[in-house]
Amino acid sequence: MSHTHLLVDLDGTLTDPKPGIVSSFQYALRELGCPVPPMDELLWVIGPPLRVSFPEAGVPAKKVDAALEAYRLHYRAGAMFDAPVYAGIPEALSGLRGSGMTLIVATSKPHVMARPILEHFGLDVHFHAIHGAELDGRNDDKGDLLAHIMAEEGVDPARAIMIGDRKFDILAARRHGIANIGVLWGYGGATELNEAGADRLCESPDRLAHWIGDLAR
């Protein structure tokens, strides 16, 4: 097989994190006395690092650390598990792993939160490794995270594929010359993913193997 490693995003790709992430974001805004938009107006916070999203939501720079602390308090209290697995994902991961590919999670979420979420839903068994950002902000940037993964795991970018639902996944992959697939069941959408330069778009989890094979050809 020409491609040996799959780098897989978490939020919006494996699970639907809307309830947990947005409610925690709202909690943090409320704690800081900032205006709190309704849930459907905050879907844009799913994907980018929170250190970027809080200022865009009106949190003053000097209060971003306090916002992160409030968010994590609410998130770790149980909201982190309010993220149902998308239908077809376990079967897709099982098939891809069975084909001989090495699967690695690459998420901007801190890895100390990503691991228990994947374990909670029984998805961790499909992955060789789980990589994410550090709590202090290191590897918040998805491109930096991919560089870290390649160094730590010995991943050849010419033989890897990045799978994700937002432009951040696609742009990070392109930065390192990694083939990529944008998934349409998450929060980016076809326009965002195409504008970022996605190599392929996948409409459902059961089609992932098809598009991976198409890239290989």
Foldseek 3Di string as FASTA:
>chain_A
DLAAEEAEEPDQGFWPLQQLQLVLLQQLCVVVVHDRDDSVVPQVVGAADQLVVVVVSPDDNVCSVVSLVSSCVSNVVPSLLVIGTDPPNQVLLVVVVVVNHAYEYQYQPAQVSVVVNCVVVVNCVSHPYYFYAHPVGRCSQSLNSVVVCCVVVVHDQSNYEYEEAALSRLLSSVVRVHAYEHEASGRHHDVRNVVSPHPYYHDDSVCVVVVVVVVVD
